[in-house]
Amino acid sequence: MVTILIIAVIVLSILVVGLIHSYIEIKQQLEAIDREQHTQNMDIINLVKKKMEHDQMLLQHIEILKYLVEQDPKLNSGKLPYMMGPIGEA
């Protein structure tokens, strides 16, 4: 009877050690995934910031080009008053 209990305790001890080892491995994997997710989130944030800066710069360039076109007398002289044709009833 005592030998059965000793064998059961040994088997259960081995199982507990295996479970503890598995828990430690899973915990390390979760920490690695968390670090990778944080890195990816920071990359996405930086990409969104750069895209916003790029869009803002592009809009500024468009405004500058519009201003330069309006100020250039050679470009304004070729404008037709009716670019789409005459407006009115057919």
Protein backbone atom coordinates (compact mmCIF):
# COMPACT_ATOMS: atom_id res chain seq x y z
CA MET A 1 0.00 0.00 0.00
CA VAL A 2 2.79 2.39 0.92
CA THR A 3 4.68 1.58 -2.30
CA ILE A 4 1.62 2.47 -4.38
CA LEU A 5 1.39 5.83 -2.61
CA ILE A 6 5.10 6.46 -3.14
CA ILE A 7 4.77 5.62 -6.85
CA ALA A 8 1.70 7.88 -7.13
CA VAL A 9 3.56 10.74 -5.41
CA ILE A 10 6.55 10.29 -7.74
CA VAL A 11 4.32 10.22 -10.85
CA LEU A 12 2.40 13.28 -9.67
CA SER A 13 5.65 15.09 -8.87
CA ILE A 14 6.92 14.42 -12.38
CA LEU A 15 3.64 15.73 -13.81
CA VAL A 16 3.83 18.88 -11.66
CA VAL A 17 7.42 19.54 -12.76
CA GLY A 18 6.35 19.08 -16.39
CA LEU A 19 3.43 21.46 -15.93
CA ILE A 20 5.67 24.07 -14.32
CA HIS A 21 8.11 23.74 -17.20
CA SER A 22 5.28 24.13 -19.74
CA TYR A 23 3.96 27.16 -17.86
CA ILE A 24 7.38 28.84 -17.95
CA GLU A 25 7.74 28.17 -21.71
CA ILE A 26 4.25 29.54 -22.44
CA LYS A 27 4.95 32.60 -20.32
CA GLN A 28 8.19 33.29 -22.23
CA GLN A 29 6.41 32.88 -25.56
CA LEU A 30 3.65 35.29 -24.50
CA GLU A 31 6.24 37.86 -23.43
CA ALA A 32 8.00 37.52 -26.80
CA ILE A 33 4.67 37.93 -28.63
CA ASP A 34 3.89 40.99 -26.49
CA ARG A 35 7.25 42.58 -27.36
CA GLU A 36 6.73 41.86 -31.07
CA GLN A 37 3.19 43.28 -30.96
CA HIS A 38 4.51 46.43 -29.28
CA THR A 39 7.15 46.81 -31.99
CA GLN A 40 4.53 46.37 -34.71
CA ASN A 41 2.21 48.89 -33.05
CA MET A 42 5.02 51.46 -32.88
CA ASP A 43 5.84 50.84 -36.55
CA ILE A 44 2.20 51.39 -37.50
CA ILE A 45 2.04 54.59 -35.45
CA ASN A 46 5.20 55.88 -37.15
CA LEU A 47 3.84 55.00 -40.60
CA VAL A 48 0.58 56.82 -39.92
CA LYS A 49 2.47 59.89 -38.69
CA LYS A 50 4.71 59.88 -41.77
CA LYS A 51 1.68 59.50 -44.06
CA MET A 52 -0.05 62.45 -42.39
CA GLU A 53 3.10 64.56 -42.77
CA HIS A 54 3.40 63.50 -46.41
CA ASP A 55 -0.25 64.35 -47.14
CA GLN A 56 0.10 67.73 -45.45
CA MET A 57 3.26 68.49 -47.41
CA LEU A 58 1.56 67.43 -50.64
CA LEU A 59 -1.36 69.78 -49.95
CA GLN A 60 1.07 72.63 -49.29
CA HIS A 61 2.84 71.94 -52.58
CA ILE A 62 -0.50 71.94 -54.39
CA GLU A 63 -1.38 75.31 -52.87
CA ILE A 64 2.02 76.71 -53.88
CA LEU A 65 1.60 75.44 -57.44
CA LYS A 66 -1.88 76.97 -57.66
CA TYR A 67 -0.50 80.29 -56.47
CA LEU A 68 2.36 80.17 -58.97
CA VAL A 69 0.00 79.33 -61.84
CA GLU A 70 -2.24 82.27 -60.89
CA GLN A 71 0.76 84.62 -60.75
CA ASP A 72 2.32 83.55 -64.07
CA PRO A 73 1.05 85.86 -66.87
CA LYS A 74 1.97 83.40 -69.64
CA LEU A 75 -0.19 80.66 -68.15
CA ASN A 76 -3.14 82.98 -67.52
CA SER A 77 -3.13 84.45 -71.05
CA GLY A 78 -4.11 81.14 -72.63
CA LYS A 79 -7.21 80.62 -70.51
CA LEU A 80 -10.48 80.44 -72.36
CA PRO A 81 -13.51 82.03 -70.71
CA TYR A 82 -15.66 79.03 -71.64
CA MET A 83 -13.66 75.90 -71.03
CA MET A 84 -16.68 73.63 -71.02
CA GLY A 85 -18.51 75.44 -73.80
CA PRO A 86 -21.20 78.04 -73.48
CA ILE A 87 -23.55 77.68 -70.56
CA GLY A 88 -27.27 78.06 -71.17
CA GLU A 89 -30.30 76.30 -72.53
CA ALA A 90 -29.97 74.14 -75.59
